[in-house]
Amino acid sequence: LSSYLFPAAHWLVFFNSGVNPIIYGFFNENFQRGFQ
């Protein structure tokens, strides 16, 4: 668990923080226009 599963589970937690701005941006038309 310590060698394989816990690191993957922690990665998912960090992924959550990193993916939230992407989700907000994906659903925000102003962000999409600015990105384009």
PDB file of all heavy atoms in Angstrom:
ATOM      1  N   LEU A   1       0.831  -1.205   0.000  1.00  0.00           N
ATOM      2  CA  LEU A   1       0.000   0.000   0.000  1.00  0.00           C
ATOM      3  C   LEU A   1       0.865   1.255   0.000  1.00  0.00           C
ATOM      4  O   LEU A   1       0.598   2.208  -0.745  1.00  0.00           O
ATOM      5  CB  LEU A   1      -0.923   0.011   1.224  1.00  0.00           C
ATOM      6  CG  LEU A   1      -2.045  -1.024   1.252  1.00  0.00           C
ATOM      7  CD1 LEU A   1      -2.815  -0.924   2.568  1.00  0.00           C
ATOM      8  CD2 LEU A   1      -2.978  -0.868   0.078  1.00  0.00           C
ATOM      9  N   SER A   2       1.907   1.253   0.823  1.00  0.00           N
ATOM     10  CA  SER A   2       2.771   2.428   0.943  1.00  0.00           C
ATOM     11  C   SER A   2       3.573   2.682  -0.326  1.00  0.00           C
ATOM     12  O   SER A   2       3.820   3.829  -0.694  1.00  0.00           O
ATOM     13  CB  SER A   2       3.734   2.264   2.121  1.00  0.00           C
ATOM     14  OG  SER A   2       3.014   2.160   3.317  1.00  0.00           O
ATOM     15  N   SER A   3       3.989   1.621  -0.990  1.00  0.00           N
ATOM     16  CA  SER A   3       4.845   1.774  -2.169  1.00  0.00           C
ATOM     17  C   SER A   3       4.072   2.093  -3.439  1.00  0.00           C
ATOM     18  O   SER A   3       4.573   2.818  -4.297  1.00  0.00           O
ATOM     19  CB  SER A   3       5.649   0.492  -2.393  1.00  0.00           C
ATOM     20  OG  SER A   3       6.478   0.241  -1.287  1.00  0.00           O
ATOM     21  N   TYR A   4       2.861   1.548  -3.579  1.00  0.00           N
ATOM     22  CA  TYR A   4       2.163   1.670  -4.850  1.00  0.00           C
ATOM     23  C   TYR A   4       0.831   2.425  -4.769  1.00  0.00           C
ATOM     24  O   TYR A   4       0.591   3.336  -5.562  1.00  0.00           O
ATOM     25  CB  TYR A   4       1.926   0.279  -5.466  1.00  0.00           C
ATOM     26  CG  TYR A   4       3.203  -0.455  -5.717  1.00  0.00           C
ATOM     27  CD1 TYR A   4       3.621  -1.486  -4.885  1.00  0.00           C
ATOM     28  CD2 TYR A   4       4.015  -0.107  -6.792  1.00  0.00           C
ATOM     29  CE1 TYR A   4       4.812  -2.155  -5.107  1.00  0.00           C
ATOM     30  CE2 TYR A   4       5.214  -0.766  -7.025  1.00  0.00           C
ATOM     31  CZ  TYR A   4       5.607  -1.789  -6.176  1.00  0.00           C
ATOM     32  OH  TYR A   4       6.780  -2.439  -6.400  1.00  0.00           O
ATOM     33  N   LEU A   5      -0.021   2.028  -3.849  1.00  0.00           N
ATOM     34  CA  LEU A   5      -1.370   2.591  -3.844  1.00  0.00           C
ATOM     35  C   LEU A   5      -1.450   3.973  -3.212  1.00  0.00           C
ATOM     36  O   LEU A   5      -2.150   4.852  -3.719  1.00  0.00           O
ATOM     37  CB  LEU A   5      -2.339   1.622  -3.159  1.00  0.00           C
ATOM     38  CG  LEU A   5      -2.503   0.261  -3.868  1.00  0.00           C
ATOM     39  CD1 LEU A   5      -3.534  -0.594  -3.160  1.00  0.00           C
ATOM     40  CD2 LEU A   5      -2.890   0.451  -5.324  1.00  0.00           C
ATOM     41  N   PHE A   6      -0.756   4.189  -2.086  1.00  0.00           N
ATOM     42  CA  PHE A   6      -0.790   5.512  -1.466  1.00  0.00           C
ATOM     43  C   PHE A   6      -0.237   6.608  -2.386  1.00  0.00           C
ATOM     44  O   PHE A   6      -0.848   7.672  -2.490  1.00  0.00           O
ATOM     45  CB  PHE A   6      -0.058   5.517  -0.114  1.00  0.00           C
ATOM     46  CG  PHE A   6      -0.972   5.271   1.053  1.00  0.00           C
ATOM     47  CD1 PHE A   6      -0.933   4.065   1.721  1.00  0.00           C
ATOM     48  CD2 PHE A   6      -1.866   6.240   1.489  1.00  0.00           C
ATOM     49  CE1 PHE A   6      -1.776   3.823   2.791  1.00  0.00           C
ATOM     50  CE2 PHE A   6      -2.707   6.020   2.560  1.00  0.00           C
ATOM     51  CZ  PHE A   6      -2.667   4.797   3.219  1.00  0.00           C
ATOM     52  N   PRO A   7       0.885   6.384  -3.067  1.00  0.00           N
ATOM     53  CA  PRO A   7       1.348   7.433  -4.000  1.00  0.00           C
ATOM     54  C   PRO A   7       0.325   7.730  -5.102  1.00  0.00           C
ATOM     55  O   PRO A   7       0.110   8.894  -5.448  1.00  0.00           O
ATOM     56  CB  PRO A   7       2.645   6.868  -4.578  1.00  0.00           C
ATOM     57  CG  PRO A   7       3.146   5.935  -3.526  1.00  0.00           C
ATOM     58  CD  PRO A   7       1.907   5.326  -2.918  1.00  0.00           C
ATOM     59  N   ALA A   8      -0.314   6.702  -5.627  1.00  0.00           N
ATOM     60  CA  ALA A   8      -1.327   6.923  -6.667  1.00  0.00           C
ATOM     61  C   ALA A   8      -2.527   7.675  -6.097  1.00  0.00           C
ATOM     62  O   ALA A   8      -3.057   8.586  -6.745  1.00  0.00           O
ATOM     63  CB  ALA A   8      -1.776   5.586  -7.254  1.00  0.00           C
ATOM     64  N   ALA A   9      -2.935   7.328  -4.884  1.00  0.00           N
ATOM     65  CA  ALA A   9      -4.067   8.009  -4.254  1.00  0.00           C
ATOM     66  C   ALA A   9      -3.732   9.471  -3.954  1.00  0.00           C
ATOM     67  O   ALA A   9      -4.573  10.361  -4.141  1.00  0.00           O
ATOM     68  CB  ALA A   9      -4.470   7.281  -2.973  1.00  0.00           C
ATOM     69  N   HIS A  10      -2.507   9.728  -3.499  1.00  0.00           N
ATOM     70  CA  HIS A  10      -2.090  11.116  -3.268  1.00  0.00           C
ATOM     71  C   HIS A  10      -2.031  11.896  -4.588  1.00  0.00           C
ATOM     72  O   HIS A  10      -2.383  13.071  -4.637  1.00  0.00           O
ATOM     73  CB  HIS A  10      -0.732  11.166  -2.557  1.00  0.00           C
ATOM     74  CG  HIS A  10      -0.847  11.008  -1.085  1.00  0.00           C
ATOM     75  ND1 HIS A  10      -0.588   9.823  -0.447  1.00  0.00           N
ATOM     76  CD2 HIS A  10      -1.203  11.887  -0.118  1.00  0.00           C
ATOM     77  CE1 HIS A  10      -0.784   9.967   0.844  1.00  0.00           C
ATOM     78  NE2 HIS A  10      -1.157  11.212   1.077  1.00  0.00           N
ATOM     79  N   TRP A  11      -1.594  11.237  -5.646  1.00  0.00           N
ATOM     80  CA  TRP A  11      -1.561  11.893  -6.942  1.00  0.00           C
ATOM     81  C   TRP A  11      -2.969  12.321  -7.359  1.00  0.00           C
ATOM     82  O   TRP A  11      -3.163  13.411  -7.887  1.00  0.00           O
ATOM     83  CB  TRP A  11      -0.956  10.964  -7.993  1.00  0.00           C
ATOM     84  CG  TRP A  11      -0.862  11.623  -9.327  1.00  0.00           C
ATOM     85  CD1 TRP A  11       0.165  12.390  -9.803  1.00  0.00           C
ATOM     86  CD2 TRP A  11      -1.859  11.619 -10.359  1.00  0.00           C
ATOM     87  NE1 TRP A  11      -0.135  12.844 -11.063  1.00  0.00           N
ATOM     88  CE2 TRP A  11      -1.372  12.396 -11.431  1.00  0.00           C
ATOM     89  CE3 TRP A  11      -3.111  11.036 -10.479  1.00  0.00           C
ATOM     90  CZ2 TRP A  11      -2.081  12.583 -12.606  1.00  0.00           C
ATOM     91  CZ3 TRP A  11      -3.831  11.244 -11.651  1.00  0.00           C
ATOM     92  CH2 TRP A  11      -3.313  12.006 -12.687  1.00  0.00           C
ATOM     93  N   LEU A  12      -3.962  11.468  -7.112  1.00  0.00           N
ATOM     94  CA  LEU A  12      -5.346  11.814  -7.439  1.00  0.00           C
ATOM     95  C   LEU A  12      -5.822  13.034  -6.658  1.00  0.00           C
ATOM     96  O   LEU A  12      -6.535  13.884  -7.193  1.00  0.00           O
ATOM     97  CB  LEU A  12      -6.274  10.631  -7.140  1.00  0.00           C
ATOM     98  CG  LEU A  12      -6.476   9.623  -8.248  1.00  0.00           C
ATOM     99  CD1 LEU A  12      -7.315   8.449  -7.757  1.00  0.00           C
ATOM    100  CD2 LEU A  12      -7.101  10.255  -9.459  1.00  0.00           C
ATOM    101  N   VAL A  13      -5.427  13.127  -5.381  1.00  0.00           N
ATOM    102  CA  VAL A  13      -5.802  14.285  -4.565  1.00  0.00           C
ATOM    103  C   VAL A  13      -5.191  15.561  -5.149  1.00  0.00           C
ATOM    104  O   VAL A  13      -5.869  16.585  -5.273  1.00  0.00           O
ATOM    105  CB  VAL A  13      -5.369  14.080  -3.099  1.00  0.00           C
ATOM    106  CG1 VAL A  13      -5.489  15.363  -2.293  1.00  0.00           C
ATOM    107  CG2 VAL A  13      -6.194  12.974  -2.458  1.00  0.00           C
ATOM    108  N   PHE A  14      -3.917  15.499  -5.515  1.00  0.00           N
ATOM    109  CA  PHE A  14      -3.266  16.663  -6.111  1.00  0.00           C
ATOM    110  C   PHE A  14      -3.889  16.979  -7.477  1.00  0.00           C
ATOM    111  O   PHE A  14      -4.037  18.133  -7.853  1.00  0.00           O
ATOM    112  CB  PHE A  14      -1.764  16.438  -6.252  1.00  0.00           C
ATOM    113  CG  PHE A  14      -1.077  16.244  -4.939  1.00  0.00           C
ATOM    114  CD1 PHE A  14      -0.101  15.272  -4.787  1.00  0.00           C
ATOM    115  CD2 PHE A  14      -1.394  17.020  -3.832  1.00  0.00           C
ATOM    116  CE1 PHE A  14       0.538  15.090  -3.576  1.00  0.00           C
ATOM    117  CE2 PHE A  14      -0.759  16.847  -2.617  1.00  0.00           C
ATOM    118  CZ  PHE A  14       0.210  15.893  -2.478  1.00  0.00           C
ATOM    119  N   PHE A  15      -4.252  15.942  -8.205  1.00  0.00           N
ATOM    120  CA  PHE A  15      -4.915  16.107  -9.500  1.00  0.00           C
ATOM    121  C   PHE A  15      -6.204  16.902  -9.339  1.00  0.00           C
ATOM    122  O   PHE A  15      -6.519  17.743 -10.161  1.00  0.00           O
ATOM    123  CB  PHE A  15      -5.199  14.726 -10.112  1.00  0.00           C
ATOM    124  CG  PHE A  15      -6.098  14.758 -11.305  1.00  0.00           C
ATOM    125  CD1 PHE A  15      -5.609  15.112 -12.552  1.00  0.00           C
ATOM    126  CD2 PHE A  15      -7.440  14.423 -11.183  1.00  0.00           C
ATOM    127  CE1 PHE A  15      -6.437  15.132 -13.657  1.00  0.00           C
ATOM    128  CE2 PHE A  15      -8.276  14.448 -12.283  1.00  0.00           C
ATOM    129  CZ  PHE A  15      -7.776  14.802 -13.516  1.00  0.00           C
ATOM    130  N   ASN A  16      -6.933  16.638  -8.251  1.00  0.00           N
ATOM    131  CA  ASN A  16      -8.181  17.364  -8.003  1.00  0.00           C
ATOM    132  C   ASN A  16      -7.950  18.862  -7.932  1.00  0.00           C
ATOM    133  O   ASN A  16      -8.694  19.645  -8.516  1.00  0.00           O
ATOM    134  CB  ASN A  16      -8.840  16.850  -6.721  1.00  0.00           C
ATOM    135  CG  ASN A  16     -10.098  17.618  -6.379  1.00  0.00           C
ATOM    136  OD1 ASN A  16     -10.165  18.292  -5.355  1.00  0.00           O
ATOM    137  ND2 ASN A  16     -11.095  17.524  -7.226  1.00  0.00           N
ATOM    138  N   SER A  17      -6.911  19.271  -7.235  1.00  0.00           N
ATOM    139  CA  SER A  17      -6.624  20.701  -7.134  1.00  0.00           C
ATOM    140  C   SER A  17      -6.217  21.280  -8.483  1.00  0.00           C
ATOM    141  O   SER A  17      -6.559  22.411  -8.803  1.00  0.00           O
ATOM    142  CB  SER A  17      -5.507  20.952  -6.121  1.00  0.00           C
ATOM    143  OG  SER A  17      -5.924  20.539  -4.848  1.00  0.00           O
ATOM    144  N   GLY A  18      -5.488  20.526  -9.255  1.00  0.00           N
ATOM    145  CA  GLY A  18      -5.028  21.015 -10.546  1.00  0.00           C
ATOM    146  C   GLY A  18      -6.099  21.014 -11.620  1.00  0.00           C
ATOM    147  O   GLY A  18      -6.068  21.826 -12.545  1.00  0.00           O
ATOM    148  N   VAL A  19      -7.076  20.132 -11.523  1.00  0.00           N
ATOM    149  CA  VAL A  19      -8.075  20.012 -12.577  1.00  0.00           C
ATOM    150  C   VAL A  19      -9.228  21.002 -12.382  1.00  0.00           C
ATOM    151  O   VAL A  19      -9.912  21.338 -13.354  1.00  0.00           O
ATOM    152  CB  VAL A  19      -8.601  18.560 -12.675  1.00  0.00           C
ATOM    153  CG1 VAL A  19      -9.627  18.239 -11.610  1.00  0.00           C
ATOM    154  CG2 VAL A  19      -9.182  18.280 -14.050  1.00  0.00           C
ATOM    155  N   ASN A  20      -9.443  21.499 -11.169  1.00  0.00           N
ATOM    156  CA  ASN A  20     -10.553  22.430 -10.952  1.00  0.00           C
ATOM    157  C   ASN A  20     -10.482  23.666 -11.848  1.00  0.00           C
ATOM    158  O   ASN A  20     -11.482  24.032 -12.468  1.00  0.00           O
ATOM    159  CB  ASN A  20     -10.655  22.820  -9.475  1.00  0.00           C
ATOM    160  CG  ASN A  20     -11.391  21.778  -8.671  1.00  0.00           C
ATOM    161  OD1 ASN A  20     -12.103  20.948  -9.209  1.00  0.00           O
ATOM    162  ND2 ASN A  20     -11.219  21.812  -7.372  1.00  0.00           N
ATOM    163  N   PRO A  21      -9.326  24.337 -11.957  1.00  0.00           N
ATOM    164  CA  PRO A  21      -9.285  25.493 -12.873  1.00  0.00           C
ATOM    165  C   PRO A  21      -9.578  25.112 -14.324  1.00  0.00           C
ATOM    166  O   PRO A  21     -10.168  25.892 -15.070  1.00  0.00           O
ATOM    167  CB  PRO A  21      -7.847  26.018 -12.730  1.00  0.00           C
ATOM    168  CG  PRO A  21      -7.367  25.502 -11.422  1.00  0.00           C
ATOM    169  CD  PRO A  21      -8.079  24.198 -11.213  1.00  0.00           C
ATOM    170  N   ILE A  22      -9.193  23.902 -14.712  1.00  0.00           N
ATOM    171  CA  ILE A  22      -9.469  23.448 -16.071  1.00  0.00           C
ATOM    172  C   ILE A  22     -10.975  23.251 -16.263  1.00  0.00           C
ATOM    173  O   ILE A  22     -11.537  23.634 -17.288  1.00  0.00           O
ATOM    174  CB  ILE A  22      -8.688  22.150 -16.378  1.00  0.00           C
ATOM    175  CG1 ILE A  22      -7.187  22.455 -16.358  1.00  0.00           C
ATOM    176  CG2 ILE A  22      -9.121  21.538 -17.706  1.00  0.00           C
ATOM    177  CD1 ILE A  22      -6.302  21.241 -16.368  1.00  0.00           C
ATOM    178  N   ILE A  23     -11.625  22.675 -15.253  1.00  0.00           N
ATOM    179  CA  ILE A  23     -13.085  22.497 -15.327  1.00  0.00           C
ATOM    180  C   ILE A  23     -13.775  23.850 -15.416  1.00  0.00           C
ATOM    181  O   ILE A  23     -14.653  24.065 -16.255  1.00  0.00           O
ATOM    182  CB  ILE A  23     -13.604  21.701 -14.107  1.00  0.00           C
ATOM    183  CG1 ILE A  23     -13.098  20.255 -14.157  1.00  0.00           C
ATOM    184  CG2 ILE A  23     -15.133  21.721 -14.058  1.00  0.00           C
ATOM    185  CD1 ILE A  23     -13.377  19.461 -12.904  1.00  0.00           C
ATOM    186  N   TYR A  24     -13.363  24.781 -14.547  1.00  0.00           N
ATOM    187  CA  TYR A  24     -13.969  26.117 -14.584  1.00  0.00           C
ATOM    188  C   TYR A  24     -13.752  26.765 -15.953  1.00  0.00           C
ATOM    189  O   TYR A  24     -14.661  27.371 -16.514  1.00  0.00           O
ATOM    190  CB  TYR A  24     -13.389  27.017 -13.498  1.00  0.00           C
ATOM    191  CG  TYR A  24     -13.704  26.572 -12.086  1.00  0.00           C
ATOM    192  CD1 TYR A  24     -12.734  26.578 -11.103  1.00  0.00           C
ATOM    193  CD2 TYR A  24     -14.978  26.144 -11.735  1.00  0.00           C
ATOM    194  CE1 TYR A  24     -13.011  26.170  -9.815  1.00  0.00           C
ATOM    195  CE2 TYR A  24     -15.267  25.738 -10.445  1.00  0.00           C
ATOM    196  CZ  TYR A  24     -14.285  25.752  -9.493  1.00  0.00           C
ATOM    197  OH  TYR A  24     -14.561  25.352  -8.216  1.00  0.00           O
ATOM    198  N   GLY A  25     -12.558  26.610 -16.478  1.00  0.00           N
ATOM    199  CA  GLY A  25     -12.254  27.200 -17.782  1.00  0.00           C
ATOM    200  C   GLY A  25     -13.021  26.555 -18.915  1.00  0.00           C
ATOM    201  O   GLY A  25     -13.477  27.224 -19.835  1.00  0.00           O
ATOM    202  N   PHE A  26     -13.194  25.247 -18.851  1.00  0.00           N
ATOM    203  CA  PHE A  26     -13.903  24.524 -19.902  1.00  0.00           C
ATOM    204  C   PHE A  26     -15.352  24.992 -20.010  1.00  0.00           C
ATOM    205  O   PHE A  26     -15.908  25.096 -21.096  1.00  0.00           O
ATOM    206  CB  PHE A  26     -13.852  23.020 -19.636  1.00  0.00           C
ATOM    207  CG  PHE A  26     -14.592  22.204 -20.654  1.00  0.00           C
ATOM    208  CD1 PHE A  26     -14.041  21.963 -21.902  1.00  0.00           C
ATOM    209  CD2 PHE A  26     -15.845  21.679 -20.370  1.00  0.00           C
ATOM    210  CE1 PHE A  26     -14.728  21.213 -22.844  1.00  0.00           C
ATOM    211  CE2 PHE A  26     -16.535  20.930 -21.308  1.00  0.00           C
ATOM    212  CZ  PHE A  26     -15.976  20.700 -22.547  1.00  0.00           C
ATOM    213  N   PHE A  27     -15.979  25.264 -18.874  1.00  0.00           N
ATOM    214  CA  PHE A  27     -17.380  25.663 -18.879  1.00  0.00           C
ATOM    215  C   PHE A  27     -17.567  27.180 -18.975  1.00  0.00           C
ATOM    216  O   PHE A  27     -18.690  27.657 -18.995  1.00  0.00           O
ATOM    217  CB  PHE A  27     -18.084  25.143 -17.619  1.00  0.00           C
ATOM    218  CG  PHE A  27     -18.337  23.654 -17.667  1.00  0.00           C
ATOM    219  CD1 PHE A  27     -17.489  22.778 -17.024  1.00  0.00           C
ATOM    220  CD2 PHE A  27     -19.419  23.147 -18.361  1.00  0.00           C
ATOM    221  CE1 PHE A  27     -17.724  21.414 -17.064  1.00  0.00           C
ATOM    222  CE2 PHE A  27     -19.655  21.785 -18.412  1.00  0.00           C
ATOM    223  CZ  PHE A  27     -18.808  20.915 -17.762  1.00  0.00           C
ATOM    224  N   ASN A  28     -16.494  27.954 -19.038  1.00  0.00           N
ATOM    225  CA  ASN A  28     -16.579  29.409 -19.071  1.00  0.00           C
ATOM    226  C   ASN A  28     -16.288  29.900 -20.487  1.00  0.00           C
ATOM    227  O   ASN A  28     -15.174  29.752 -20.978  1.00  0.00           O
ATOM    228  CB  ASN A  28     -15.586  30.009 -18.073  1.00  0.00           C
ATOM    229  CG  ASN A  28     -15.691  31.502 -17.956  1.00  0.00           C
ATOM    230  OD1 ASN A  28     -15.799  32.210 -18.960  1.00  0.00           O
ATOM    231  ND2 ASN A  28     -15.642  31.983 -16.732  1.00  0.00           N
ATOM    232  N   GLU A  29     -17.284  30.485 -21.120  1.00  0.00           N
ATOM    233  CA  GLU A  29     -17.127  30.930 -22.513  1.00  0.00           C
ATOM    234  C   GLU A  29     -16.088  32.033 -22.646  1.00  0.00           C
ATOM    235  O   GLU A  29     -15.338  32.066 -23.630  1.00  0.00           O
ATOM    236  CB  GLU A  29     -18.470  31.397 -23.062  1.00  0.00           C
ATOM    237  CG  GLU A  29     -19.457  30.267 -23.261  1.00  0.00           C
ATOM    238  CD  GLU A  29     -20.818  30.749 -23.724  1.00  0.00           C
ATOM    239  OE1 GLU A  29     -20.938  31.933 -24.091  1.00  0.00           O
ATOM    240  OE2 GLU A  29     -21.754  29.928 -23.721  1.00  0.00           O
ATOM    241  N   ASN A  30     -16.018  32.931 -21.685  1.00  0.00           N
ATOM    242  CA  ASN A  30     -15.016  34.005 -21.744  1.00  0.00           C
ATOM    243  C   ASN A  30     -13.610  33.419 -21.721  1.00  0.00           C
ATOM    244  O   ASN A  30     -12.724  33.863 -22.453  1.00  0.00           O
ATOM    245  CB  ASN A  30     -15.195  34.988 -20.585  1.00  0.00           C
ATOM    246  CG  ASN A  30     -16.465  35.791 -20.722  1.00  0.00           C
ATOM    247  OD1 ASN A  30     -16.973  35.971 -21.818  1.00  0.00           O
ATOM    248  ND2 ASN A  30     -16.987  36.243 -19.600  1.00  0.00           N
ATOM    249  N   PHE A  31     -13.387  32.416 -20.876  1.00  0.00           N
ATOM    250  CA  PHE A  31     -12.081  31.768 -20.809  1.00  0.00           C
ATOM    251  C   PHE A  31     -11.760  31.096 -22.136  1.00  0.00           C
ATOM    252  O   PHE A  31     -10.631  31.186 -22.634  1.00  0.00           O
ATOM    253  CB  PHE A  31     -12.059  30.748 -19.670  1.00  0.00           C
ATOM    254  CG  PHE A  31     -10.755  30.015 -19.553  1.00  0.00           C
ATOM    255  CD1 PHE A  31      -9.690  30.562 -18.852  1.00  0.00           C
ATOM    256  CD2 PHE A  31     -10.580  28.778 -20.158  1.00  0.00           C
ATOM    257  CE1 PHE A  31      -8.485  29.889 -18.758  1.00  0.00           C
ATOM    258  CE2 PHE A  31      -9.383  28.103 -20.068  1.00  0.00           C
ATOM    259  CZ  PHE A  31      -8.334  28.661 -19.367  1.00  0.00           C
ATOM    260  N   GLN A  32     -12.735  30.415 -22.713  1.00  0.00           N
ATOM    261  CA  GLN A  32     -12.522  29.716 -23.976  1.00  0.00           C
ATOM    262  C   GLN A  32     -12.161  30.703 -25.093  1.00  0.00           C
ATOM    263  O   GLN A  32     -11.244  30.427 -25.865  1.00  0.00           O
ATOM    264  CB  GLN A  32     -13.778  28.923 -24.356  1.00  0.00           C
ATOM    265  CG  GLN A  32     -14.029  27.750 -23.441  1.00  0.00           C
ATOM    266  CD  GLN A  32     -15.382  27.096 -23.719  1.00  0.00           C
ATOM    267  OE1 GLN A  32     -16.089  27.459 -24.648  1.00  0.00           O
ATOM    268  NE2 GLN A  32     -15.718  26.129 -22.887  1.00  0.00           N
ATOM    269  N   ARG A  33     -12.875  31.828 -25.157  1.00  0.00           N
ATOM    270  CA  ARG A  33     -12.560  32.822 -26.175  1.00  0.00           C
ATOM    271  C   ARG A  33     -11.166  33.388 -25.983  1.00  0.00           C
ATOM    272  O   ARG A  33     -10.417  33.561 -26.945  1.00  0.00           O
ATOM    273  CB  ARG A  33     -13.606  33.940 -26.155  1.00  0.00           C
ATOM    274  CG  ARG A  33     -14.902  33.574 -26.859  1.00  0.00           C
ATOM    275  CD  ARG A  33     -15.765  34.791 -27.101  1.00  0.00           C
ATOM    276  NE  ARG A  33     -16.244  35.377 -25.865  1.00  0.00           N
ATOM    277  CZ  ARG A  33     -17.400  35.056 -25.282  1.00  0.00           C
ATOM    278  NH1 ARG A  33     -18.175  34.163 -25.823  1.00  0.00           N
ATOM    279  NH2 ARG A  33     -17.766  35.646 -24.156  1.00  0.00           N
ATOM    280  N   GLY A  34     -10.808  33.664 -24.746  1.00  0.00           N
ATOM    281  CA  GLY A  34      -9.464  34.185 -24.451  1.00  0.00           C
ATOM    282  C   GLY A  34      -8.387  33.175 -24.803  1.00  0.00           C
ATOM    283  O   GLY A  34      -7.321  33.523 -25.341  1.00  0.00           O
ATOM    284  N   PHE A  35      -8.646  31.894 -24.517  1.00  0.00           N
ATOM    285  CA  PHE A  35      -7.679  30.846 -24.827  1.00  0.00           C
ATOM    286  C   PHE A  35      -7.511  30.697 -26.335  1.00  0.00           C
ATOM    287  O   PHE A  35      -6.394  30.560 -26.832  1.00  0.00           O
ATOM    288  CB  PHE A  35      -8.127  29.523 -24.194  1.00  0.00           C
ATOM    289  CG  PHE A  35      -7.139  28.418 -24.334  1.00  0.00           C
ATOM    290  CD1 PHE A  35      -6.000  28.383 -23.549  1.00  0.00           C
ATOM    291  CD2 PHE A  35      -7.333  27.395 -25.257  1.00  0.00           C
ATOM    292  CE1 PHE A  35      -5.067  27.368 -23.677  1.00  0.00           C
ATOM    293  CE2 PHE A  35      -6.418  26.378 -25.399  1.00  0.00           C
ATOM    294  CZ  PHE A  35      -5.288  26.363 -24.606  1.00  0.00           C
ATOM    295  N   GLN A  36      -8.620  30.760 -27.064  1.00  0.00           N
ATOM    296  CA  GLN A  36      -8.551  30.653 -28.521  1.00  0.00           C
ATOM    297  C   GLN A  36      -7.825  31.847 -29.125  1.00  0.00           C
ATOM    298  O   GLN A  36      -7.065  31.718 -30.079  1.00  0.00           O
ATOM    299  CB  GLN A  36      -9.950  30.528 -29.115  1.00  0.00           C
ATOM    300  CG  GLN A  36     -10.584  29.186 -28.854  1.00  0.00           C
ATOM    301  CD  GLN A  36     -12.047  29.135 -29.261  1.00  0.00           C
ATOM    302  OE1 GLN A  36     -12.655  30.147 -29.565  1.00  0.00           O
ATOM    303  NE2 GLN A  36     -12.614  27.933 -29.256  1.00  0.00           N
TER     304      GLN A  36
END
